[in-house]
C-alpha atoms as a PDB file:
ATOM      1  CA  MET A   1      20.470 -49.248 -17.736  1.00  0.00           C
ATOM      2  CA  VAL A   2      17.234 -50.599 -19.241  1.00  0.00           C
ATOM      3  CA  GLY A   3      16.701 -49.616 -22.882  1.00  0.00           C
ATOM      4  CA  ILE A   4      13.641 -49.110 -25.054  1.00  0.00           C
ATOM      5  CA  ASN A   5      14.168 -52.465 -26.811  1.00  0.00           C
ATOM      6  CA  GLU A   6      13.838 -54.361 -23.526  1.00  0.00           C
ATOM      7  CA  VAL A   7      10.556 -52.578 -22.815  1.00  0.00           C
ATOM      8  CA  ALA A   8       9.369 -53.468 -26.329  1.00  0.00           C
ATOM      9  CA  ARG A   9      10.204 -57.178 -25.836  1.00  0.00           C
ATOM     10  CA  ARG A  10       8.459 -57.265 -22.453  1.00  0.00           C
ATOM     11  CA  ALA A  11       5.334 -55.571 -23.862  1.00  0.00           C
ATOM     12  CA  GLY A  12       5.349 -57.563 -27.113  1.00  0.00           C
ATOM     13  CA  VAL A  13       5.380 -54.478 -29.332  1.00  0.00           C
ATOM     14  CA  SER A  14       7.877 -52.617 -31.482  1.00  0.00           C
ATOM     15  CA  ALA A  15      10.288 -50.002 -30.132  1.00  0.00           C
ATOM     16  CA  ALA A  16       8.427 -47.392 -32.213  1.00  0.00           C
ATOM     17  CA  THR A  17       5.199 -48.267 -30.419  1.00  0.00           C
ATOM     18  CA  VAL A  18       6.949 -47.899 -27.058  1.00  0.00           C
ATOM     19  CA  SER A  19       8.183 -44.478 -28.113  1.00  0.00           C
ATOM     20  CA  ARG A  20       4.714 -43.349 -29.224  1.00  0.00           C
ATOM     21  CA  ALA A  21       3.015 -44.734 -26.123  1.00  0.00           C
ATOM     22  CA  LEU A  22       5.375 -43.091 -23.624  1.00  0.00           C
ATOM     23  CA  SER A  23       5.773 -39.774 -25.446  1.00  0.00           C
ATOM     24  CA  GLY A  24       2.087 -39.298 -26.225  1.00  0.00           C
ATOM     25  CA  ASN A  25       2.918 -38.623 -29.875  1.00  0.00           C
ATOM     26  CA  GLY A  26       1.086 -40.760 -32.408  1.00  0.00           C
ATOM     27  CA  ALA A  27      -1.762 -43.265 -32.298  1.00  0.00           C
ATOM     28  CA  VAL A  28      -1.453 -46.254 -29.975  1.00  0.00           C
ATOM     29  CA  SER A  29      -4.282 -48.600 -28.994  1.00  0.00           C
ATOM     30  CA  ALA A  30      -5.398 -48.559 -25.368  1.00  0.00           C
ATOM     31  CA  GLY A  31      -4.296 -52.175 -24.898  1.00  0.00           C
ATOM     32  CA  ALA A  32      -0.811 -51.603 -26.316  1.00  0.00           C
ATOM     33  CA  ARG A  33      -0.393 -48.439 -24.266  1.00  0.00           C
ATOM     34  CA  ALA A  34      -1.329 -50.302 -21.084  1.00  0.00           C
ATOM     35  CA  ARG A  35       1.164 -53.126 -21.831  1.00  0.00           C
ATOM     36  CA  VAL A  36       3.937 -50.611 -22.574  1.00  0.00           C
ATOM     37  CA  GLU A  37       3.293 -48.634 -19.390  1.00  0.00           C
ATOM     38  CA  SER A  38       3.190 -51.831 -17.331  1.00  0.00           C
ATOM     39  CA  ALA A  39       6.465 -53.090 -18.868  1.00  0.00           C
ATOM     40  CA  ALA A  40       8.155 -49.708 -18.364  1.00  0.00           C
ATOM     41  CA  ASN A  41       7.081 -49.657 -14.717  1.00  0.00           C
ATOM     42  CA  ASP A  42       8.224 -53.231 -14.132  1.00  0.00           C
ATOM     43  CA  LEU A  43      11.631 -52.532 -15.689  1.00  0.00           C
ATOM     44  CA  ARG A  44      11.869 -49.017 -14.153  1.00  0.00           C
ATOM     45  CA  TYR A  45      12.455 -47.583 -17.594  1.00  0.00           C
ATOM     46  CA  VAL A  46      12.746 -43.788 -17.769  1.00  0.00           C
ATOM     47  CA  VAL A  47      12.315 -41.974 -21.093  1.00  0.00           C
ATOM     48  CA  SER A  48      15.365 -39.935 -22.063  1.00  0.00           C
ATOM     49  CA  SER A  49      14.206 -36.318 -22.273  1.00  0.00           C
ATOM     50  CA  ASN A  50      16.956 -35.518 -24.791  1.00  0.00           C
ATOM     51  CA  ALA A  51      16.031 -38.421 -27.046  1.00  0.00           C
ATOM     52  CA  SER A  52      12.336 -37.602 -26.776  1.00  0.00           C
ATOM     53  CA  SER A  53      12.963 -33.952 -27.628  1.00  0.00           C
ATOM     54  CA  LEU A  54      15.052 -34.869 -30.657  1.00  0.00           C
ATOM     55  CA  ALA A  55      12.435 -37.288 -31.915  1.00  0.00           C
ATOM     56  CA  SER A  56       9.407 -35.075 -31.370  1.00  0.00           C
ATOM     57  CA  GLY A  57      10.867 -31.586 -31.623  1.00  0.00           C
ATOM     58  CA  ARG A  58       9.311 -30.872 -28.224  1.00  0.00           C
ATOM     59  CA  THR A  59      10.722 -30.437 -24.739  1.00  0.00           C
ATOM     60  CA  ARG A  60       7.550 -31.212 -22.706  1.00  0.00           C
ATOM     61  CA  ASN A  61       8.364 -28.056 -20.813  1.00  0.00           C
ATOM     62  CA  VAL A  62       6.117 -24.995 -20.390  1.00  0.00           C
ATOM     63  CA  GLY A  63       7.358 -21.524 -19.518  1.00  0.00           C
ATOM     64  CA  VAL A  64       5.366 -19.542 -16.939  1.00  0.00           C
ATOM     65  CA  VAL A  65       6.015 -15.795 -16.809  1.00  0.00           C
ATOM     66  CA  VAL A  66       4.966 -13.748 -13.747  1.00  0.00           C
ATOM     67  CA  PRO A  67       5.495 -10.085 -12.765  1.00  0.00           C
ATOM     68  CA  HIS A  68       6.249 -10.974  -9.123  1.00  0.00           C
ATOM     69  CA  LEU A  69       6.895 -14.203  -7.272  1.00  0.00           C
ATOM     70  CA  ASN A  70       6.690 -12.875  -3.705  1.00  0.00           C
ATOM     71  CA  ARG A  71       2.923 -12.278  -3.919  1.00  0.00           C
ATOM     72  CA  TRP A  72       0.527 -14.993  -2.821  1.00  0.00           C
ATOM     73  CA  PHE A  73      -1.746 -14.676  -5.869  1.00  0.00           C
ATOM     74  CA  PHE A  74       1.033 -15.217  -8.427  1.00  0.00           C
ATOM     75  CA  SER A  75       2.654 -18.078  -6.546  1.00  0.00           C
ATOM     76  CA  SER A  76      -0.769 -19.742  -6.205  1.00  0.00           C
ATOM     77  CA  VAL A  77      -1.412 -19.513  -9.959  1.00  0.00           C
ATOM     78  CA  VAL A  78       2.030 -21.043 -10.560  1.00  0.00           C
ATOM     79  CA  GLU A  79       1.290 -23.826  -8.065  1.00  0.00           C
ATOM     80  CA  GLY A  80      -1.948 -24.678  -9.842  1.00  0.00           C
ATOM     81  CA  ALA A  81      -0.289 -24.657 -13.263  1.00  0.00           C
ATOM     82  CA  GLU A  82       2.535 -26.860 -12.016  1.00  0.00           C
ATOM     83  CA  ARG A  83       0.083 -29.375 -10.573  1.00  0.00           C
ATOM     84  CA  ALA A  84      -1.701 -29.758 -13.921  1.00  0.00           C
ATOM     85  CA  LEU A  85       1.528 -29.860 -15.929  1.00  0.00           C
ATOM     86  CA  LEU A  86       3.149 -32.528 -13.759  1.00  0.00           C
ATOM     87  CA  ARG A  87      -0.038 -34.582 -13.903  1.00  0.00           C
ATOM     88  CA  ASN A  88       0.265 -34.568 -17.692  1.00  0.00           C
ATOM     89  CA  GLY A  89       4.006 -35.252 -17.838  1.00  0.00           C
ATOM     90  CA  TYR A  90       5.246 -31.693 -18.423  1.00  0.00           C
ATOM     91  CA  ASP A  91       7.936 -29.714 -16.643  1.00  0.00           C
ATOM     92  CA  LEU A  92       7.671 -26.029 -15.771  1.00  0.00           C
ATOM     93  CA  THR A  93      10.248 -23.268 -16.134  1.00  0.00           C
ATOM     94  CA  LEU A  94       9.464 -20.089 -14.194  1.00  0.00           C
ATOM     95  CA  TYR A  95      10.444 -16.595 -15.348  1.00  0.00           C
ATOM     96  CA  ASN A  96      10.051 -13.846 -12.732  1.00  0.00           C
ATOM     97  CA  LEU A  97      10.006 -10.387 -14.356  1.00  0.00           C
ATOM     98  CA  SER A  98      10.253  -8.278 -11.197  1.00  0.00           C
ATOM     99  CA  GLY A  99      13.686  -7.059 -12.341  1.00  0.00           C
ATOM    100  CA  GLY A 100      12.311  -4.598 -14.919  1.00  0.00           C
ATOM    101  CA  GLY A 101      12.301  -3.854 -18.648  1.00  0.00           C
ATOM    102  CA  ASP A 102      15.699  -5.261 -19.609  1.00  0.00           C
ATOM    103  CA  GLU A 103      14.876  -8.563 -17.949  1.00  0.00           C
ATOM    104  CA  ARG A 104      11.538  -8.724 -19.741  1.00  0.00           C
ATOM    105  CA  ARG A 105      13.124  -8.111 -23.138  1.00  0.00           C
ATOM    106  CA  SER A 106      15.700 -10.809 -22.459  1.00  0.00           C
ATOM    107  CA  VAL A 107      13.023 -13.358 -21.527  1.00  0.00           C
ATOM    108  CA  PHE A 108      10.767 -12.678 -24.520  1.00  0.00           C
ATOM    109  CA  GLU A 109      13.449 -12.087 -27.136  1.00  0.00           C
ATOM    110  CA  HIS A 110      15.828 -14.882 -26.144  1.00  0.00           C
ATOM    111  CA  PHE A 111      14.838 -17.431 -23.497  1.00  0.00           C
ATOM    112  CA  LEU A 112      11.262 -18.126 -24.590  1.00  0.00           C
ATOM    113  CA  ARG A 113      12.212 -18.248 -28.278  1.00  0.00           C
ATOM    114  CA  ARG A 114      14.867 -20.889 -27.811  1.00  0.00           C
ATOM    115  CA  ARG A 115      13.995 -24.583 -27.829  1.00  0.00           C
ATOM    116  CA  ARG A 116      13.564 -24.586 -24.069  1.00  0.00           C
ATOM    117  CA  VAL A 117       9.767 -24.484 -23.827  1.00  0.00           C
ATOM    118  CA  ASP A 118       6.867 -25.776 -25.920  1.00  0.00           C
ATOM    119  CA  ALA A 119       4.362 -23.166 -24.764  1.00  0.00           C
ATOM    120  CA  VAL A 120       3.954 -20.176 -22.445  1.00  0.00           C
ATOM    121  CA  ILE A 121       1.554 -19.086 -19.698  1.00  0.00           C
ATOM    122  CA  ALA A 122       1.641 -15.331 -19.015  1.00  0.00           C
ATOM    123  CA  VAL A 123       0.234 -14.437 -15.577  1.00  0.00           C
ATOM    124  CA  ALA A 124      -1.118 -10.892 -15.061  1.00  0.00           C
ATOM    125  CA  LEU A 125       1.049  -9.522 -17.873  1.00  0.00           C
ATOM    126  CA  GLU A 126      -0.363  -7.341 -20.641  1.00  0.00           C
ATOM    127  CA  LEU A 127       1.853  -8.575 -23.455  1.00  0.00           C
ATOM    128  CA  THR A 128       2.698  -6.423 -26.450  1.00  0.00           C
ATOM    129  CA  GLU A 129       1.775  -7.364 -30.014  1.00  0.00           C
ATOM    130  CA  VAL A 130       5.465  -8.025 -30.731  1.00  0.00           C
ATOM    131  CA  GLU A 131       5.795 -10.363 -27.730  1.00  0.00           C
ATOM    132  CA  ILE A 132       2.677 -12.303 -28.713  1.00  0.00           C
ATOM    133  CA  SER A 133       3.462 -12.569 -32.435  1.00  0.00           C
ATOM    134  CA  GLY A 134       7.069 -13.574 -31.718  1.00  0.00           C
ATOM    135  CA  LEU A 135       5.928 -16.627 -29.747  1.00  0.00           C
ATOM    136  CA  LEU A 136       3.107 -17.607 -32.101  1.00  0.00           C
ATOM    137  CA  ALA A 137       5.416 -17.356 -35.118  1.00  0.00           C
ATOM    138  CA  LEU A 138       7.549 -20.075 -33.523  1.00  0.00           C
ATOM    139  CA  ASN A 139       4.463 -22.266 -33.022  1.00  0.00           C
ATOM    140  CA  LYS A 140       4.552 -21.845 -29.251  1.00  0.00           C
ATOM    141  CA  PRO A 141       0.971 -21.743 -27.914  1.00  0.00           C
ATOM    142  CA  LEU A 142       0.282 -19.006 -25.387  1.00  0.00           C
ATOM    143  CA  VAL A 143      -2.364 -18.564 -22.681  1.00  0.00           C
ATOM    144  CA  GLY A 144      -2.918 -15.399 -20.673  1.00  0.00           C
ATOM    145  CA  VAL A 145      -4.171 -15.309 -17.077  1.00  0.00           C
ATOM    146  CA  GLY A 146      -5.606 -12.113 -15.599  1.00  0.00           C
ATOM    147  CA  GLY A 147      -6.825 -10.222 -18.643  1.00  0.00           C
ATOM    148  CA  PRO A 148      -7.390 -10.322 -22.410  1.00  0.00           C
ATOM    149  CA  LEU A 149      -4.491 -10.854 -24.819  1.00  0.00           C
ATOM    150  CA  ALA A 150      -5.162 -10.142 -28.507  1.00  0.00           C
ATOM    151  CA  GLY A 151      -5.776 -13.328 -30.483  1.00  0.00           C
ATOM    152  CA  VAL A 152      -4.725 -15.581 -27.591  1.00  0.00           C
ATOM    153  CA  PRO A 153      -6.794 -17.746 -25.187  1.00  0.00           C
ATOM    154  CA  SER A 154      -7.168 -15.619 -22.063  1.00  0.00           C
ATOM    155  CA  LEU A 155      -8.615 -16.275 -18.610  1.00  0.00           C
ATOM    156  CA  GLU A 156     -10.065 -13.221 -16.923  1.00  0.00           C
ATOM    157  CA  ILE A 157     -12.101 -12.122 -13.926  1.00  0.00           C
ATOM    158  CA  ASP A 158     -14.702  -9.360 -14.193  1.00  0.00           C
ATOM    159  CA  GLU A 159     -12.779  -7.005 -11.909  1.00  0.00           C
ATOM    160  CA  VAL A 160     -15.548  -4.402 -11.820  1.00  0.00           C
ATOM    161  CA  ALA A 161     -18.137  -7.006 -10.824  1.00  0.00           C
ATOM    162  CA  ILE A 162     -15.925  -8.561  -8.152  1.00  0.00           C
ATOM    163  CA  ALA A 163     -15.377  -5.150  -6.511  1.00  0.00           C
ATOM    164  CA  ARG A 164     -19.035  -4.266  -6.813  1.00  0.00           C
ATOM    165  CA  LEU A 165     -19.959  -7.508  -5.030  1.00  0.00           C
ATOM    166  CA  ALA A 166     -17.570  -6.795  -2.143  1.00  0.00           C
ATOM    167  CA  THR A 167     -18.893  -3.245  -1.738  1.00  0.00           C
ATOM    168  CA  GLU A 168     -22.539  -4.315  -2.005  1.00  0.00           C
ATOM    169  CA  HIS A 169     -21.978  -6.783   0.837  1.00  0.00           C
ATOM    170  CA  LEU A 170     -20.941  -3.914   3.127  1.00  0.00           C
ATOM    171  CA  ILE A 171     -23.808  -1.714   1.953  1.00  0.00           C
ATOM    172  CA  MET A 172     -26.296  -4.554   2.529  1.00  0.00           C
ATOM    173  CA  LEU A 173     -25.091  -4.743   6.141  1.00  0.00           C
ATOM    174  CA  GLY A 174     -25.946  -1.061   6.559  1.00  0.00           C
ATOM    175  CA  HIS A 175     -22.571   0.628   6.108  1.00  0.00           C
ATOM    176  CA  THR A 176     -22.664   4.046   4.473  1.00  0.00           C
ATOM    177  CA  THR A 177     -19.163   5.332   5.245  1.00  0.00           C
ATOM    178  CA  ILE A 178     -16.848   2.920   3.463  1.00  0.00           C
ATOM    179  CA  LEU A 179     -13.144   3.329   2.705  1.00  0.00           C
ATOM    180  CA  HIS A 180     -11.669   1.648  -0.359  1.00  0.00           C
ATOM    181  CA  ILE A 181      -7.942   0.851  -0.228  1.00  0.00           C
ATOM    182  CA  GLY A 182      -7.006   0.053  -3.818  1.00  0.00           C
ATOM    183  CA  GLY A 183      -4.025  -0.358  -6.097  1.00  0.00           C
ATOM    184  CA  SER A 184      -1.600   2.470  -6.819  1.00  0.00           C
ATOM    185  CA  SER A 185      -0.583   3.627 -10.301  1.00  0.00           C
ATOM    186  CA  GLN A 186       2.531   1.424 -10.039  1.00  0.00           C
ATOM    187  CA  GLU A 187       0.262  -1.596  -9.463  1.00  0.00           C
ATOM    188  CA  ASP A 188      -2.072  -0.629 -12.302  1.00  0.00           C
ATOM    189  CA  THR A 189       0.183  -1.231 -15.297  1.00  0.00           C
ATOM    190  CA  ASN A 190      -1.182  -4.640 -16.332  1.00  0.00           C
ATOM    191  CA  PHE A 191      -4.891  -4.899 -17.199  1.00  0.00           C
ATOM    192  CA  HIS A 192      -5.671  -1.922 -14.895  1.00  0.00           C
ATOM    193  CA  ILE A 193      -6.921  -4.149 -12.096  1.00  0.00           C
ATOM    194  CA  GLY A 194      -6.736  -1.384  -9.491  1.00  0.00           C
ATOM    195  CA  SER A 195      -8.717   1.014 -11.680  1.00  0.00           C
ATOM    196  CA  HIS A 196     -11.392  -1.578 -12.438  1.00  0.00           C
ATOM    197  CA  ARG A 197     -11.834  -2.368  -8.743  1.00  0.00           C
ATOM    198  CA  ARG A 198     -12.124   1.345  -7.925  1.00  0.00           C
ATOM    199  CA  THR A 199     -14.780   1.591 -10.638  1.00  0.00           C
ATOM    200  CA  GLY A 200     -16.719  -1.310  -9.130  1.00  0.00           C
ATOM    201  CA  PHE A 201     -16.555   0.303  -5.683  1.00  0.00           C
ATOM    202  CA  ALA A 202     -17.769   3.651  -7.012  1.00  0.00           C
ATOM    203  CA  GLN A 203     -20.563   2.021  -9.031  1.00  0.00           C
ATOM    204  CA  ALA A 204     -21.909   0.157  -5.992  1.00  0.00           C
ATOM    205  CA  MET A 205     -21.796   3.287  -3.831  1.00  0.00           C
ATOM    206  CA  THR A 206     -23.470   5.465  -6.465  1.00  0.00           C
ATOM    207  CA  THR A 207     -26.181   2.891  -7.169  1.00  0.00           C
ATOM    208  CA  ALA A 208     -26.962   2.834  -3.442  1.00  0.00           C
ATOM    209  CA  GLY A 209     -27.184   6.645  -3.412  1.00  0.00           C
ATOM    210  CA  LEU A 210     -24.086   7.017  -1.253  1.00  0.00           C
ATOM    211  CA  PRO A 211     -21.457   9.733  -1.747  1.00  0.00           C
ATOM    212  CA  VAL A 212     -17.973   8.854  -3.007  1.00  0.00           C
ATOM    213  CA  PRO A 213     -15.709  11.642  -1.698  1.00  0.00           C
ATOM    214  CA  ALA A 214     -12.043  11.639  -2.706  1.00  0.00           C
ATOM    215  CA  ARG A 215     -10.996  10.613   0.817  1.00  0.00           C
ATOM    216  CA  SER A 216     -13.038   7.393   0.464  1.00  0.00           C
ATOM    217  CA  MET A 217     -10.512   5.962  -2.042  1.00  0.00           C
ATOM    218  CA  ILE A 218      -6.845   5.494  -1.098  1.00  0.00           C
ATOM    219  CA  SER A 219      -4.117   4.097  -3.344  1.00  0.00           C
ATOM    220  CA  SER A 220      -1.670   1.559  -1.959  1.00  0.00           C
ATOM    221  CA  ASN A 221       0.148  -1.565  -3.105  1.00  0.00           C
ATOM    222  CA  PHE A 222      -1.237  -5.071  -2.811  1.00  0.00           C
ATOM    223  CA  THR A 223       0.685  -5.923   0.370  1.00  0.00           C
ATOM    224  CA  VAL A 224       0.057  -6.301   4.103  1.00  0.00           C
ATOM    225  CA  ALA A 225       2.430  -3.403   4.785  1.00  0.00           C
ATOM    226  CA  GLY A 226       0.638  -1.135   2.323  1.00  0.00           C
ATOM    227  CA  GLY A 227      -2.778  -1.936   3.769  1.00  0.00           C
ATOM    228  CA  TYR A 228      -1.513  -1.429   7.304  1.00  0.00           C
ATOM    229  CA  ALA A 229       0.071   1.973   6.661  1.00  0.00           C
ATOM    230  CA  HIS A 230      -2.870   3.470   4.785  1.00  0.00           C
ATOM    231  CA  ALA A 231      -5.557   2.015   7.050  1.00  0.00           C
ATOM    232  CA  LYS A 232      -3.775   3.275  10.170  1.00  0.00           C
ATOM    233  CA  GLN A 233      -3.548   6.763   8.689  1.00  0.00           C
ATOM    234  CA  ALA A 234      -7.227   6.802   7.692  1.00  0.00           C
ATOM    235  CA  LEU A 235      -8.494   5.280  10.944  1.00  0.00           C
ATOM    236  CA  GLY A 236      -6.494   7.793  12.971  1.00  0.00           C
ATOM    237  CA  HIS A 237      -8.984  10.569  12.062  1.00  0.00           C
ATOM    238  CA  PRO A 238     -11.938  10.111  14.442  1.00  0.00           C
ATOM    239  CA  HIS A 239     -14.140  12.673  12.656  1.00  0.00           C
ATOM    240  CA  HIS A 240     -13.825  10.933   9.276  1.00  0.00           C
ATOM    241  CA  ARG A 241     -13.416   7.359  10.450  1.00  0.00           C
ATOM    242  CA  PRO A 242     -15.155   4.818   8.177  1.00  0.00           C
ATOM    243  CA  THR A 243     -17.268   2.022   9.604  1.00  0.00           C
ATOM    244  CA  ALA A 244     -16.009  -0.393   6.952  1.00  0.00           C
ATOM    245  CA  ILE A 245     -13.039  -0.976   4.650  1.00  0.00           C
ATOM    246  CA  PHE A 246     -13.066  -2.685   1.275  1.00  0.00           C
ATOM    247  CA  ALA A 247      -9.466  -3.597   0.403  1.00  0.00           C
ATOM    248  CA  ALA A 248      -8.601  -4.599  -3.169  1.00  0.00           C
ATOM    249  CA  SER A 249      -6.631  -7.612  -1.918  1.00  0.00           C
ATOM    250  CA  ASP A 250      -6.733  -9.837   1.136  1.00  0.00           C
ATOM    251  CA  GLU A 251      -3.170  -8.896   1.965  1.00  0.00           C
ATOM    252  CA  MET A 252      -4.175  -5.237   2.224  1.00  0.00           C
ATOM    253  CA  ALA A 253      -7.253  -6.268   4.193  1.00  0.00           C
ATOM    254  CA  ILE A 254      -5.090  -8.190   6.670  1.00  0.00           C
ATOM    255  CA  GLY A 255      -2.892  -5.096   7.014  1.00  0.00           C
ATOM    256  CA  ALA A 256      -6.010  -3.023   7.736  1.00  0.00           C
ATOM    257  CA  HIS A 257      -7.079  -5.594  10.339  1.00  0.00           C
ATOM    258  CA  LEU A 258      -3.718  -5.268  12.112  1.00  0.00           C
ATOM    259  CA  ALA A 259      -3.886  -1.466  11.964  1.00  0.00           C
ATOM    260  CA  ALA A 260      -7.346  -1.472  13.541  1.00  0.00           C
ATOM    261  CA  ARG A 261      -6.086  -3.717  16.339  1.00  0.00           C
ATOM    262  CA  ASP A 262      -3.124  -1.429  17.033  1.00  0.00           C
ATOM    263  CA  LEU A 263      -5.502   1.541  17.281  1.00  0.00           C
ATOM    264  CA  GLY A 264      -7.648  -0.261  19.816  1.00  0.00           C
ATOM    265  CA  LEU A 265     -10.504  -0.950  17.403  1.00  0.00           C
ATOM    266  CA  THR A 266     -12.328  -4.283  17.327  1.00  0.00           C
ATOM    267  CA  VAL A 267     -13.212  -6.057  14.082  1.00  0.00           C
ATOM    268  CA  PRO A 268     -16.100  -6.220  13.252  1.00  0.00           C
ATOM    269  CA  GLN A 269     -17.731  -4.345  16.149  1.00  0.00           C
ATOM    270  CA  ASP A 270     -15.914  -1.059  15.405  1.00  0.00           C
ATOM    271  CA  LEU A 271     -14.858  -1.756  11.826  1.00  0.00           C
ATOM    272  CA  SER A 272     -15.901  -4.231   9.159  1.00  0.00           C
ATOM    273  CA  ILE A 273     -13.262  -5.372   6.638  1.00  0.00           C
ATOM    274  CA  ILE A 274     -13.597  -7.244   3.351  1.00  0.00           C
ATOM    275  CA  GLY A 275     -10.920  -8.200   0.803  1.00  0.00           C
ATOM    276  CA  ILE A 276     -10.499 -10.041  -2.486  1.00  0.00           C
ATOM    277  CA  ASP A 277      -8.632 -13.329  -3.124  1.00  0.00           C
ATOM    278  CA  ASP A 278      -9.361 -15.803  -0.287  1.00  0.00           C
ATOM    279  CA  HIS A 279      -5.704 -15.738   0.715  1.00  0.00           C
ATOM    280  CA  GLU A 280      -4.382 -18.716   2.670  1.00  0.00           C
ATOM    281  CA  LEU A 281      -4.460 -16.530   5.831  1.00  0.00           C
ATOM    282  CA  ALA A 282      -8.007 -15.274   5.249  1.00  0.00           C
ATOM    283  CA  GLU A 283      -9.591 -18.006   7.341  1.00  0.00           C
ATOM    284  CA  PHE A 284      -7.078 -17.458  10.168  1.00  0.00           C
ATOM    285  CA  PHE A 285      -8.108 -13.786  10.345  1.00  0.00           C
ATOM    286  CA  GLN A 286     -11.775 -14.768   9.787  1.00  0.00           C
ATOM    287  CA  LEU A 287     -11.701 -12.376   6.841  1.00  0.00           C
ATOM    288  CA  THR A 288     -14.765 -11.957   4.657  1.00  0.00           C
ATOM    289  CA  THR A 289     -13.544 -11.992   1.076  1.00  0.00           C
ATOM    290  CA  VAL A 290     -14.401 -12.591  -2.563  1.00  0.00           C
ATOM    291  CA  ALA A 291     -12.540 -15.725  -3.658  1.00  0.00           C
ATOM    292  CA  GLN A 292     -11.083 -15.896  -7.159  1.00  0.00           C
ATOM    293  CA  PHE A 293      -9.441 -19.350  -6.917  1.00  0.00           C
ATOM    294  CA  PRO A 294      -5.924 -18.649  -8.288  1.00  0.00           C
ATOM    295  CA  LYS A 295      -4.787 -22.281  -8.132  1.00  0.00           C
ATOM    296  CA  GLY A 296      -7.754 -23.211 -10.287  1.00  0.00           C
ATOM    297  CA  GLN A 297      -6.812 -20.437 -12.716  1.00  0.00           C
ATOM    298  CA  GLY A 298      -3.323 -21.908 -13.078  1.00  0.00           C
ATOM    299  CA  GLU A 299      -4.662 -25.441 -13.567  1.00  0.00           C
ATOM    300  CA  LEU A 300      -7.127 -24.314 -16.217  1.00  0.00           C
ATOM    301  CA  ALA A 301      -4.460 -22.340 -18.102  1.00  0.00           C
ATOM    302  CA  ALA A 302      -2.200 -25.402 -18.167  1.00  0.00           C
ATOM    303  CA  GLU A 303      -5.016 -27.680 -19.320  1.00  0.00           C
ATOM    304  CA  ILE A 304      -5.848 -25.299 -22.184  1.00  0.00           C
ATOM    305  CA  LEU A 305      -2.206 -25.378 -23.303  1.00  0.00           C
ATOM    306  CA  ILE A 306      -1.910 -29.148 -23.031  1.00  0.00           C
ATOM    307  CA  ALA A 307      -5.055 -29.567 -25.131  1.00  0.00           C
ATOM    308  CA  GLN A 308      -3.287 -27.622 -27.885  1.00  0.00           C
ATOM    309  CA  LEU A 309       0.014 -29.505 -27.534  1.00  0.00           C
ATOM    310  CA  GLU A 310      -1.238 -33.095 -27.395  1.00  0.00           C
ATOM    311  CA  PRO A 311      -2.048 -34.527 -30.862  1.00  0.00           C
ATOM    312  CA  SER A 312      -4.708 -36.794 -29.404  1.00  0.00           C
ATOM    313  CA  ARG A 313      -6.435 -33.909 -27.597  1.00  0.00           C
ATOM    314  CA  ARG A 314      -5.796 -30.965 -29.889  1.00  0.00           C
ATOM    315  CA  GLU A 315      -8.714 -28.569 -29.526  1.00  0.00           C
ATOM    316  CA  GLU A 316      -9.473 -25.042 -30.638  1.00  0.00           C
ATOM    317  CA  PRO A 317      -9.648 -23.089 -27.369  1.00  0.00           C
ATOM    318  CA  ALA A 318     -12.016 -20.215 -26.650  1.00  0.00           C
ATOM    319  CA  LEU A 319     -10.272 -16.857 -26.819  1.00  0.00           C
ATOM    320  CA  ARG A 320     -12.019 -15.426 -23.749  1.00  0.00           C
ATOM    321  CA  VAL A 321     -12.778 -17.475 -20.643  1.00  0.00           C
ATOM    322  CA  THR A 322     -14.554 -15.654 -17.809  1.00  0.00           C
ATOM    323  CA  LEU A 323     -13.522 -17.044 -14.441  1.00  0.00           C
ATOM    324  CA  PRO A 324     -15.805 -17.604 -11.436  1.00  0.00           C
ATOM    325  CA  PHE A 325     -15.671 -15.763  -8.128  1.00  0.00           C
ATOM    326  CA  GLU A 326     -17.563 -16.225  -4.871  1.00  0.00           C
ATOM    327  CA  LEU A 327     -18.392 -14.150  -1.805  1.00  0.00           C
ATOM    328  CA  ILE A 328     -17.204 -15.931   1.341  1.00  0.00           C
ATOM    329  CA  VAL A 329     -18.666 -14.394   4.487  1.00  0.00           C
ATOM    330  CA  ARG A 330     -16.694 -14.769   7.697  1.00  0.00           C
ATOM    331  CA  SER A 331     -16.719 -12.794  10.929  1.00  0.00           C
ATOM    332  CA  SER A 332     -14.769  -9.681   9.848  1.00  0.00           C
ATOM    333  CA  THR A 333     -17.965  -8.029   8.585  1.00  0.00           C
ATOM    334  CA  ALA A 334     -21.126  -7.186  10.524  1.00  0.00           C
ATOM    335  CA  ARG A 335     -23.764  -4.495  10.821  1.00  0.00           C
ATOM    336  CA  PRO A 336     -22.378  -1.151  12.037  1.00  0.00           C
ATOM    337  CA  ARG A 337     -23.025  -0.083  15.592  1.00  0.00           C
ATOM    338  CA  ASP A 338     -26.114   2.067  16.050  1.00  0.00           C
END
């Protein structure tokens, strides 16, 4: 097996310079770094992760904590984070907290505090002060995705504004009887996303002078099945049938689309539907949606962490980063029938 000394001889530098160049720790001139990387490639030299960790005190591994893994949004954020981490020479360890409170305590009190990860990305998790301070006390940088975390760089969407935009699109088309299928109380525990999107819906309706009766807002979960069940129930009442549905996620919107089809309704002639996310199936269903670019969120979170971890790039990150969103109009929305 090729050793570090052979790489040093080939590159014409010391073994210490090889170590600094390949680990990213310490100052190395651009020319020396290029010679080291070329020699390492020629000799097929692979840095020992154990030796590198012992020398630097770092694992080049980032922990990503998510509340669910079987939801498209969370897996997309993870995919984006992984892409940025791999590009910068970091591994990723995923912690899925769908198992409940005991699992969460175990992750934050044991796994993340051991020397397994250098930093942590928390996706759509409203961390406690104890969880945050426990990681920061061990010098493990932390970035939150999905809402504000006290004293920690956080990426967040204006959930009220994103819902208002979706609702205003339907109102602009001429819809006055709009059903909002939003998150349930079980889905509302972290950053109150469901509540904020209901607020945005109600604000847009009220500003337009439209009534917001209780039956115009239904609570569900952010799944195709949830959207299907609640849309089918609501659309089954011909005297109170809405002309449009704003679903708080694309998955719910797709469920509503399938429910309308099963009831013999045509989208968008009989019913307009809009969602939030720009899910990978949104284009297939020609779903109008408000995109929030989850892969980009994951990439940005990873880049913010790496900038704190790399000595050559160490930067003081902003504590609040507002993320972009964009209305994407497809053929699931149209003017209501006269």
